[in-house]
Amino acid sequence: MLKNTPFQIKVFQAVCQIPFGQTRSYKWVAKKAGSPNGYRAVGTALKKNHDLFIVPCHRVIKSSGQIGGYSLGSDIKKAILDLEKELTKKR
């Protein structure tokens, strides 16, 4: 079993608060996790997320609006985000 650090747990909890079809920045997650300047550490924590369907790390993007990294590739991340946005339009 993989063990997460307290910071990783806070990051994962913050990411789980991002609504379906929406995105937040690494900086937003860092603030929510109690480390306002820890946005790079957020990226590192998300790389260790092994529960992609439970912790929706694809919803975390750069403050500039750029997509950022994703363990399955940025094209997959963009496709998931586009799908979520499309599905929220149909509600």
PDB file of N, CA and C in Angstrom:
ATOM      1  N   MET A   1       0.834  -1.172   0.000  1.00  0.00           N
ATOM      2  CA  MET A   1       0.000   0.000   0.000  1.00  0.00           C
ATOM      3  C   MET A   1       0.889   1.249   0.000  1.00  0.00           C
ATOM      4  N   LEU A   2       0.503   2.226  -0.827  1.00  0.00           N
ATOM      5  CA  LEU A   2       1.260   3.463  -0.914  1.00  0.00           C
ATOM      6  C   LEU A   2       0.854   4.395   0.217  1.00  0.00           C
ATOM      7  N   LYS A   3       1.838   5.055   0.800  1.00  0.00           N
ATOM      8  CA  LYS A   3       1.564   5.973   1.891  1.00  0.00           C
ATOM      9  C   LYS A   3       1.794   7.399   1.410  1.00  0.00           C
ATOM     10  N   ASN A   4       0.796   8.249   1.619  1.00  0.00           N
ATOM     11  CA  ASN A   4       0.908   9.647   1.224  1.00  0.00           C
ATOM     12  C   ASN A   4       1.369  10.490   2.403  1.00  0.00           C
ATOM     13  N   THR A   5       2.089  11.571   2.093  1.00  0.00           N
ATOM     14  CA  THR A   5       2.513  12.515   3.125  1.00  0.00           C
ATOM     15  C   THR A   5       1.312  13.364   3.542  1.00  0.00           C
ATOM     16  N   PRO A   6       1.394  14.014   4.700  1.00  0.00           N
ATOM     17  CA  PRO A   6       0.311  14.914   5.103  1.00  0.00           C
ATOM     18  C   PRO A   6       0.021  15.999   4.049  1.00  0.00           C
ATOM     19  N   PHE A   7       1.083  16.535   3.430  1.00  0.00           N
ATOM     20  CA  PHE A   7       0.878  17.551   2.388  1.00  0.00           C
ATOM     21  C   PHE A   7       0.149  16.962   1.185  1.00  0.00           C
ATOM     22  N   GLN A   8       0.548  15.778   0.749  1.00  0.00           N
ATOM     23  CA  GLN A   8      -0.137  15.144  -0.378  1.00  0.00           C
ATOM     24  C   GLN A   8      -1.615  14.941  -0.071  1.00  0.00           C
ATOM     25  N   ILE A   9      -1.918  14.530   1.128  1.00  0.00           N
ATOM     26  CA  ILE A   9      -3.315  14.325   1.513  1.00  0.00           C
ATOM     27  C   ILE A   9      -4.088  15.639   1.437  1.00  0.00           C
ATOM     28  N   LYS A  10      -3.487  16.726   1.918  1.00  0.00           N
ATOM     29  CA  LYS A  10      -4.143  18.038   1.842  1.00  0.00           C
ATOM     30  C   LYS A  10      -4.351  18.459   0.386  1.00  0.00           C
ATOM     31  N   VAL A  11      -3.360  18.193  -0.456  1.00  0.00           N
ATOM     32  CA  VAL A  11      -3.474  18.510  -1.885  1.00  0.00           C
ATOM     33  C   VAL A  11      -4.617  17.702  -2.499  1.00  0.00           C
ATOM     34  N   PHE A  12      -4.653  16.417  -2.246  1.00  0.00           N
ATOM     35  CA  PHE A  12      -5.702  15.562  -2.815  1.00  0.00           C
ATOM     36  C   PHE A  12      -7.082  16.003  -2.329  1.00  0.00           C
ATOM     37  N   GLN A  13      -7.188  16.384  -1.058  1.00  0.00           N
ATOM     38  CA  GLN A  13      -8.464  16.856  -0.523  1.00  0.00           C
ATOM     39  C   GLN A  13      -8.888  18.154  -1.207  1.00  0.00           C
ATOM     40  N   ALA A  14      -7.942  19.053  -1.427  1.00  0.00           N
ATOM     41  CA  ALA A  14      -8.250  20.307  -2.111  1.00  0.00           C
ATOM     42  C   ALA A  14      -8.705  20.056  -3.542  1.00  0.00           C
ATOM     43  N   VAL A  15      -8.015  19.176  -4.236  1.00  0.00           N
ATOM     44  CA  VAL A  15      -8.359  18.870  -5.625  1.00  0.00           C
ATOM     45  C   VAL A  15      -9.756  18.251  -5.718  1.00  0.00           C
ATOM     46  N   CYS A  16     -10.110  17.463  -4.732  1.00  0.00           N
ATOM     47  CA  CYS A  16     -11.446  16.845  -4.727  1.00  0.00           C
ATOM     48  C   CYS A  16     -12.566  17.874  -4.553  1.00  0.00           C
ATOM     49  N   GLN A  17     -12.219  19.093  -4.157  1.00  0.00           N
ATOM     50  CA  GLN A  17     -13.210  20.166  -4.015  1.00  0.00           C
ATOM     51  C   GLN A  17     -13.492  20.891  -5.332  1.00  0.00           C
ATOM     52  N   ILE A  18     -12.704  20.631  -6.351  1.00  0.00           N
ATOM     53  CA  ILE A  18     -12.895  21.298  -7.634  1.00  0.00           C
ATOM     54  C   ILE A  18     -14.108  20.679  -8.317  1.00  0.00           C
ATOM     55  N   PRO A  19     -15.122  21.485  -8.621  1.00  0.00           N
ATOM     56  CA  PRO A  19     -16.340  20.944  -9.231  1.00  0.00           C
ATOM     57  C   PRO A  19     -16.101  20.336 -10.624  1.00  0.00           C
ATOM     58  N   PHE A  20     -16.902  19.348 -10.939  1.00  0.00           N
ATOM     59  CA  PHE A  20     -16.908  18.706 -12.262  1.00  0.00           C
ATOM     60  C   PHE A  20     -17.059  19.793 -13.324  1.00  0.00           C
ATOM     61  N   GLY A  21     -16.214  19.746 -14.344  1.00  0.00           N
ATOM     62  CA  GLY A  21     -16.300  20.692 -15.447  1.00  0.00           C
ATOM     63  C   GLY A  21     -15.572  22.006 -15.209  1.00  0.00           C
ATOM     64  N   GLN A  22     -14.945  22.150 -14.051  1.00  0.00           N
ATOM     65  CA  GLN A  22     -14.217  23.372 -13.743  1.00  0.00           C
ATOM     66  C   GLN A  22     -12.746  23.058 -13.501  1.00  0.00           C
ATOM     67  N   THR A  23     -11.940  24.110 -13.502  1.00  0.00           N
ATOM     68  CA  THR A  23     -10.510  23.950 -13.236  1.00  0.00           C
ATOM     69  C   THR A  23     -10.091  24.952 -12.162  1.00  0.00           C
ATOM     70  N   ARG A  24      -8.963  24.667 -11.550  1.00  0.00           N
ATOM     71  CA  ARG A  24      -8.337  25.576 -10.600  1.00  0.00           C
ATOM     72  C   ARG A  24      -6.835  25.508 -10.855  1.00  0.00           C
ATOM     73  N   SER A  25      -6.132  26.538 -10.413  1.00  0.00           N
ATOM     74  CA  SER A  25      -4.684  26.593 -10.640  1.00  0.00           C
ATOM     75  C   SER A  25      -3.920  25.822  -9.561  1.00  0.00           C
ATOM     76  N   TYR A  26      -2.676  25.498  -9.893  1.00  0.00           N
ATOM     77  CA  TYR A  26      -1.783  24.877  -8.913  1.00  0.00           C
ATOM     78  C   TYR A  26      -1.662  25.791  -7.689  1.00  0.00           C
ATOM     79  N   LYS A  27      -1.654  27.100  -7.944  1.00  0.00           N
ATOM     80  CA  LYS A  27      -1.543  28.075  -6.862  1.00  0.00           C
ATOM     81  C   LYS A  27      -2.776  28.011  -5.948  1.00  0.00           C
ATOM     82  N   TRP A  28      -3.954  27.885  -6.530  1.00  0.00           N
ATOM     83  CA  TRP A  28      -5.192  27.760  -5.750  1.00  0.00           C
ATOM     84  C   TRP A  28      -5.120  26.530  -4.851  1.00  0.00           C
ATOM     85  N   VAL A  29      -4.673  25.419  -5.420  1.00  0.00           N
ATOM     86  CA  VAL A  29      -4.557  24.179  -4.647  1.00  0.00           C
ATOM     87  C   VAL A  29      -3.550  24.362  -3.518  1.00  0.00           C
ATOM     88  N   ALA A  30      -2.434  25.014  -3.820  1.00  0.00           N
ATOM     89  CA  ALA A  30      -1.408  25.240  -2.792  1.00  0.00           C
ATOM     90  C   ALA A  30      -1.979  26.039  -1.621  1.00  0.00           C
ATOM     91  N   LYS A  31      -2.741  27.076  -1.921  1.00  0.00           N
ATOM     92  CA  LYS A  31      -3.362  27.870  -0.858  1.00  0.00           C
ATOM     93  C   LYS A  31      -4.322  27.019  -0.034  1.00  0.00           C
ATOM     94  N   LYS A  32      -5.161  26.251  -0.715  1.00  0.00           N
ATOM     95  CA  LYS A  32      -6.120  25.384  -0.023  1.00  0.00           C
ATOM     96  C   LYS A  32      -5.418  24.347   0.853  1.00  0.00           C
ATOM     97  N   ALA A  33      -4.246  23.916   0.413  1.00  0.00           N
ATOM     98  CA  ALA A  33      -3.487  22.904   1.154  1.00  0.00           C
ATOM     99  C   ALA A  33      -2.654  23.529   2.279  1.00  0.00           C
ATOM    100  N   GLY A  34      -2.742  24.847   2.424  1.00  0.00           N
ATOM    101  CA  GLY A  34      -2.041  25.519   3.513  1.00  0.00           C
ATOM    102  C   GLY A  34      -0.616  25.911   3.215  1.00  0.00           C
ATOM    103  N   SER A  35      -0.237  25.908   1.946  1.00  0.00           N
ATOM    104  CA  SER A  35       1.126  26.271   1.557  1.00  0.00           C
ATOM    105  C   SER A  35       1.071  27.192   0.336  1.00  0.00           C
ATOM    106  N   PRO A  36       0.720  28.481   0.546  1.00  0.00           N
ATOM    107  CA  PRO A  36       0.476  29.400  -0.566  1.00  0.00           C
ATOM    108  C   PRO A  36       1.569  29.494  -1.624  1.00  0.00           C
ATOM    109  N   ASN A  37       2.813  29.269  -1.229  1.00  0.00           N
ATOM    110  CA  ASN A  37       3.909  29.326  -2.197  1.00  0.00           C
ATOM    111  C   ASN A  37       4.329  27.940  -2.680  1.00  0.00           C
ATOM    112  N   GLY A  38       3.574  26.936  -2.347  1.00  0.00           N
ATOM    113  CA  GLY A  38       3.948  25.561  -2.665  1.00  0.00           C
ATOM    114  C   GLY A  38       3.343  25.012  -3.941  1.00  0.00           C
ATOM    115  N   TYR A  39       3.112  25.857  -4.934  1.00  0.00           N
ATOM    116  CA  TYR A  39       2.469  25.382  -6.156  1.00  0.00           C
ATOM    117  C   TYR A  39       3.306  24.360  -6.913  1.00  0.00           C
ATOM    118  N   ARG A  40       4.636  24.459  -6.839  1.00  0.00           N
ATOM    119  CA  ARG A  40       5.482  23.424  -7.478  1.00  0.00           C
ATOM    120  C   ARG A  40       5.364  22.101  -6.727  1.00  0.00           C
ATOM    121  N   ALA A  41       5.266  22.198  -5.407  1.00  0.00           N
ATOM    122  CA  ALA A  41       5.090  20.988  -4.594  1.00  0.00           C
ATOM    123  C   ALA A  41       3.741  20.343  -4.887  1.00  0.00           C
ATOM    124  N   VAL A  42       2.746  21.152  -5.250  1.00  0.00           N
ATOM    125  CA  VAL A  42       1.437  20.603  -5.639  1.00  0.00           C
ATOM    126  C   VAL A  42       1.607  19.733  -6.873  1.00  0.00           C
ATOM    127  N   GLY A  43       2.338  20.234  -7.855  1.00  0.00           N
ATOM    128  CA  GLY A  43       2.589  19.454  -9.066  1.00  0.00           C
ATOM    129  C   GLY A  43       3.282  18.140  -8.755  1.00  0.00           C
ATOM    130  N   THR A  44       4.245  18.187  -7.856  1.00  0.00           N
ATOM    131  CA  THR A  44       4.951  16.968  -7.451  1.00  0.00           C
ATOM    132  C   THR A  44       4.011  16.001  -6.750  1.00  0.00           C
ATOM    133  N   ALA A  45       3.162  16.536  -5.879  1.00  0.00           N
ATOM    134  CA  ALA A  45       2.200  15.676  -5.173  1.00  0.00           C
ATOM    135  C   ALA A  45       1.238  15.030  -6.165  1.00  0.00           C
ATOM    136  N   LEU A  46       0.768  15.807  -7.141  1.00  0.00           N
ATOM    137  CA  LEU A  46      -0.196  15.266  -8.105  1.00  0.00           C
ATOM    138  C   LEU A  46       0.423  14.195  -9.000  1.00  0.00           C
ATOM    139  N   LYS A  47       1.724  14.280  -9.219  1.00  0.00           N
ATOM    140  CA  LYS A  47       2.403  13.227  -9.988  1.00  0.00           C
ATOM    141  C   LYS A  47       2.318  11.885  -9.271  1.00  0.00           C
ATOM    142  N   LYS A  48       2.157  11.936  -7.958  1.00  0.00           N
ATOM    143  CA  LYS A  48       2.097  10.705  -7.164  1.00  0.00           C
ATOM    144  C   LYS A  48       0.664  10.231  -6.930  1.00  0.00           C
ATOM    145  N   ASN A  49      -0.291  10.888  -7.572  1.00  0.00           N
ATOM    146  CA  ASN A  49      -1.693  10.492  -7.444  1.00  0.00           C
ATOM    147  C   ASN A  49      -1.926   9.215  -8.248  1.00  0.00           C
ATOM    148  N   HIS A  50      -2.237   8.142  -7.545  1.00  0.00           N
ATOM    149  CA  HIS A  50      -2.482   6.864  -8.215  1.00  0.00           C
ATOM    150  C   HIS A  50      -3.974   6.561  -8.329  1.00  0.00           C
ATOM    151  N   ASP A  51      -4.792   7.514  -7.918  1.00  0.00           N
ATOM    152  CA  ASP A  51      -6.247   7.350  -7.967  1.00  0.00           C
ATOM    153  C   ASP A  51      -6.844   8.405  -8.885  1.00  0.00           C
ATOM    154  N   LEU A  52      -6.500   8.349 -10.164  1.00  0.00           N
ATOM    155  CA  LEU A  52      -6.901   9.377 -11.119  1.00  0.00           C
ATOM    156  C   LEU A  52      -8.410   9.551 -11.225  1.00  0.00           C
ATOM    157  N   PHE A  53      -9.172   8.497 -10.958  1.00  0.00           N
ATOM    158  CA  PHE A  53     -10.619   8.607 -11.070  1.00  0.00           C
ATOM    159  C   PHE A  53     -11.258   9.090  -9.770  1.00  0.00           C
ATOM    160  N   ILE A  54     -10.502   9.094  -8.687  1.00  0.00           N
ATOM    161  CA  ILE A  54     -11.010   9.564  -7.401  1.00  0.00           C
ATOM    162  C   ILE A  54     -10.525  10.983  -7.123  1.00  0.00           C
ATOM    163  N   VAL A  55      -9.253  11.218  -7.351  1.00  0.00           N
ATOM    164  CA  VAL A  55      -8.673  12.551  -7.174  1.00  0.00           C
ATOM    165  C   VAL A  55      -8.495  13.143  -8.577  1.00  0.00           C
ATOM    166  N   PRO A  56      -9.379  14.070  -8.959  1.00  0.00           N
ATOM    167  CA  PRO A  56      -9.394  14.566 -10.350  1.00  0.00           C
ATOM    168  C   PRO A  56      -8.291  15.591 -10.641  1.00  0.00           C
ATOM    169  N   CYS A  57      -7.063  15.128 -10.633  1.00  0.00           N
ATOM    170  CA  CYS A  57      -5.930  16.043 -10.808  1.00  0.00           C
ATOM    171  C   CYS A  57      -5.905  16.681 -12.196  1.00  0.00           C
ATOM    172  N   HIS A  58      -6.666  16.143 -13.136  1.00  0.00           N
ATOM    173  CA  HIS A  58      -6.732  16.755 -14.464  1.00  0.00           C
ATOM    174  C   HIS A  58      -7.383  18.142 -14.416  1.00  0.00           C
ATOM    175  N   ARG A  59      -8.068  18.463 -13.321  1.00  0.00           N
ATOM    176  CA  ARG A  59      -8.732  19.763 -13.182  1.00  0.00           C
ATOM    177  C   ARG A  59      -7.796  20.861 -12.685  1.00  0.00           C
ATOM    178  N   VAL A  60      -6.539  20.530 -12.476  1.00  0.00           N
ATOM    179  CA  VAL A  60      -5.562  21.516 -12.003  1.00  0.00           C
ATOM    180  C   VAL A  60      -4.715  21.962 -13.196  1.00  0.00           C
ATOM    181  N   ILE A  61      -4.723  23.288 -13.412  1.00  0.00           N
ATOM    182  CA  ILE A  61      -4.002  23.860 -14.548  1.00  0.00           C
ATOM    183  C   ILE A  61      -3.086  24.977 -14.061  1.00  0.00           C
ATOM    184  N   LYS A  62      -2.271  25.490 -14.963  1.00  0.00           N
ATOM    185  CA  LYS A  62      -1.377  26.594 -14.625  1.00  0.00           C
ATOM    186  C   LYS A  62      -2.187  27.878 -14.462  1.00  0.00           C
ATOM    187  N   SER A  63      -1.664  28.812 -13.671  1.00  0.00           N
ATOM    188  CA  SER A  63      -2.324  30.110 -13.467  1.00  0.00           C
ATOM    189  C   SER A  63      -2.508  30.868 -14.775  1.00  0.00           C
ATOM    190  N   SER A  64      -1.642  30.604 -15.727  1.00  0.00           N
ATOM    191  CA  SER A  64      -1.712  31.270 -17.034  1.00  0.00           C
ATOM    192  C   SER A  64      -2.853  30.738 -17.894  1.00  0.00           C
ATOM    193  N   GLY A  65      -3.468  29.652 -17.450  1.00  0.00           N
ATOM    194  CA  GLY A  65      -4.525  29.026 -18.235  1.00  0.00           C
ATOM    195  C   GLY A  65      -4.022  27.866 -19.082  1.00  0.00           C
ATOM    196  N   GLN A  66      -2.704  27.704 -19.156  1.00  0.00           N
ATOM    197  CA  GLN A  66      -2.144  26.570 -19.895  1.00  0.00           C
ATOM    198  C   GLN A  66      -2.492  25.283 -19.165  1.00  0.00           C
ATOM    199  N   ILE A  67      -2.562  24.211 -19.905  1.00  0.00           N
ATOM    200  CA  ILE A  67      -3.048  22.932 -19.384  1.00  0.00           C
ATOM    201  C   ILE A  67      -2.145  22.315 -18.314  1.00  0.00           C
ATOM    202  N   GLY A  68      -0.857  22.450 -18.431  1.00  0.00           N
ATOM    203  CA  GLY A  68       0.056  21.848 -17.456  1.00  0.00           C
ATOM    204  C   GLY A  68       0.246  20.363 -17.719  1.00  0.00           C
ATOM    205  N   GLY A  69       0.960  19.718 -16.835  1.00  0.00           N
ATOM    206  CA  GLY A  69       1.282  18.306 -17.011  1.00  0.00           C
ATOM    207  C   GLY A  69       0.179  17.377 -16.557  1.00  0.00           C
ATOM    208  N   TYR A  70       0.317  16.118 -16.953  1.00  0.00           N
ATOM    209  CA  TYR A  70      -0.635  15.076 -16.566  1.00  0.00           C
ATOM    210  C   TYR A  70       0.045  13.735 -16.795  1.00  0.00           C
ATOM    211  N   SER A  71      -0.152  12.819 -15.889  1.00  0.00           N
ATOM    212  CA  SER A  71       0.548  11.535 -15.974  1.00  0.00           C
ATOM    213  C   SER A  71       0.204  10.750 -17.245  1.00  0.00           C
ATOM    214  N   LEU A  72      -0.989  10.947 -17.775  1.00  0.00           N
ATOM    215  CA  LEU A  72      -1.388  10.245 -19.002  1.00  0.00           C
ATOM    216  C   LEU A  72      -1.134  11.071 -20.262  1.00  0.00           C
ATOM    217  N   GLY A  73      -0.547  12.255 -20.085  1.00  0.00           N
ATOM    218  CA  GLY A  73      -0.239  13.123 -21.215  1.00  0.00           C
ATOM    219  C   GLY A  73      -1.195  14.305 -21.301  1.00  0.00           C
ATOM    220  N   SER A  74      -0.688  15.426 -21.792  1.00  0.00           N
ATOM    221  CA  SER A  74      -1.492  16.649 -21.840  1.00  0.00           C
ATOM    222  C   SER A  74      -2.656  16.547 -22.828  1.00  0.00           C
ATOM    223  N   ASP A  75      -2.509  15.737 -23.873  1.00  0.00           N
ATOM    224  CA  ASP A  75      -3.619  15.568 -24.818  1.00  0.00           C
ATOM    225  C   ASP A  75      -4.804  14.879 -24.141  1.00  0.00           C
ATOM    226  N   ILE A  76      -4.520  13.886 -23.312  1.00  0.00           N
ATOM    227  CA  ILE A  76      -5.580  13.190 -22.572  1.00  0.00           C
ATOM    228  C   ILE A  76      -6.211  14.150 -21.568  1.00  0.00           C
ATOM    229  N   LYS A  77      -5.384  14.925 -20.884  1.00  0.00           N
ATOM    230  CA  LYS A  77      -5.895  15.887 -19.910  1.00  0.00           C
ATOM    231  C   LYS A  77      -6.856  16.864 -20.584  1.00  0.00           C
ATOM    232  N   LYS A  78      -6.470  17.407 -21.716  1.00  0.00           N
ATOM    233  CA  LYS A  78      -7.322  18.346 -22.448  1.00  0.00           C
ATOM    234  C   LYS A  78      -8.613  17.673 -22.879  1.00  0.00           C
ATOM    235  N   ALA A  79      -8.519  16.449 -23.356  1.00  0.00           N
ATOM    236  CA  ALA A  79      -9.723  15.730 -23.798  1.00  0.00           C
ATOM    237  C   ALA A  79     -10.694  15.512 -22.639  1.00  0.00           C
ATOM    238  N   ILE A  80     -10.181  15.161 -21.470  1.00  0.00           N
ATOM    239  CA  ILE A  80     -11.039  14.955 -20.294  1.00  0.00           C
ATOM    240  C   ILE A  80     -11.695  16.275 -19.890  1.00  0.00           C
ATOM    241  N   LEU A  81     -10.926  17.350 -19.860  1.00  0.00           N
ATOM    242  CA  LEU A  81     -11.476  18.655 -19.503  1.00  0.00           C
ATOM    243  C   LEU A  81     -12.549  19.094 -20.497  1.00  0.00           C
ATOM    244  N   ASP A  82     -12.280  18.891 -21.788  1.00  0.00           N
ATOM    245  CA  ASP A  82     -13.265  19.244 -22.817  1.00  0.00           C
ATOM    246  C   ASP A  82     -14.542  18.421 -22.657  1.00  0.00           C
ATOM    247  N   LEU A  83     -14.388  17.135 -22.369  1.00  0.00           N
ATOM    248  CA  LEU A  83     -15.550  16.262 -22.167  1.00  0.00           C
ATOM    249  C   LEU A  83     -16.371  16.726 -20.963  1.00  0.00           C
ATOM    250  N   GLU A  84     -15.703  17.032 -19.860  1.00  0.00           N
ATOM    251  CA  GLU A  84     -16.413  17.498 -18.666  1.00  0.00           C
ATOM    252  C   GLU A  84     -17.173  18.804 -18.957  1.00  0.00           C
ATOM    253  N   LYS A  85     -16.542  19.733 -19.661  1.00  0.00           N
ATOM    254  CA  LYS A  85     -17.208  20.994 -19.996  1.00  0.00           C
ATOM    255  C   LYS A  85     -18.436  20.733 -20.868  1.00  0.00           C
ATOM    256  N   GLU A  86     -18.298  19.854 -21.828  1.00  0.00           N
ATOM    257  CA  GLU A  86     -19.421  19.521 -22.710  1.00  0.00           C
ATOM    258  C   GLU A  86     -20.564  18.888 -21.930  1.00  0.00           C
ATOM    259  N   LEU A  87     -20.227  17.990 -21.023  1.00  0.00           N
ATOM    260  CA  LEU A  87     -21.262  17.320 -20.227  1.00  0.00           C
ATOM    261  C   LEU A  87     -21.966  18.284 -19.284  1.00  0.00           C
ATOM    262  N   THR A  88     -21.258  19.289 -18.768  1.00  0.00           N
ATOM    263  CA  THR A  88     -21.906  20.250 -17.882  1.00  0.00           C
ATOM    264  C   THR A  88     -22.861  21.161 -18.664  1.00  0.00           C
ATOM    265  N   LYS A  89     -22.612  21.367 -19.945  1.00  0.00           N
ATOM    266  CA  LYS A  89     -23.525  22.156 -20.785  1.00  0.00           C
ATOM    267  C   LYS A  89     -24.857  21.448 -20.965  1.00  0.00           C
ATOM    268  N   LYS A  90     -24.825  20.119 -20.939  1.00  0.00           N
ATOM    269  CA  LYS A  90     -26.026  19.324 -21.203  1.00  0.00           C
ATOM    270  C   LYS A  90     -26.898  19.128 -19.966  1.00  0.00           C
ATOM    271  N   ARG A  91     -26.440  19.584 -18.817  1.00  0.00           N
ATOM    272  CA  ARG A  91     -27.221  19.427 -17.579  1.00  0.00           C
ATOM    273  C   ARG A  91     -28.334  20.419 -17.494  1.00  0.00           C
TER     274      ARG A  91
END
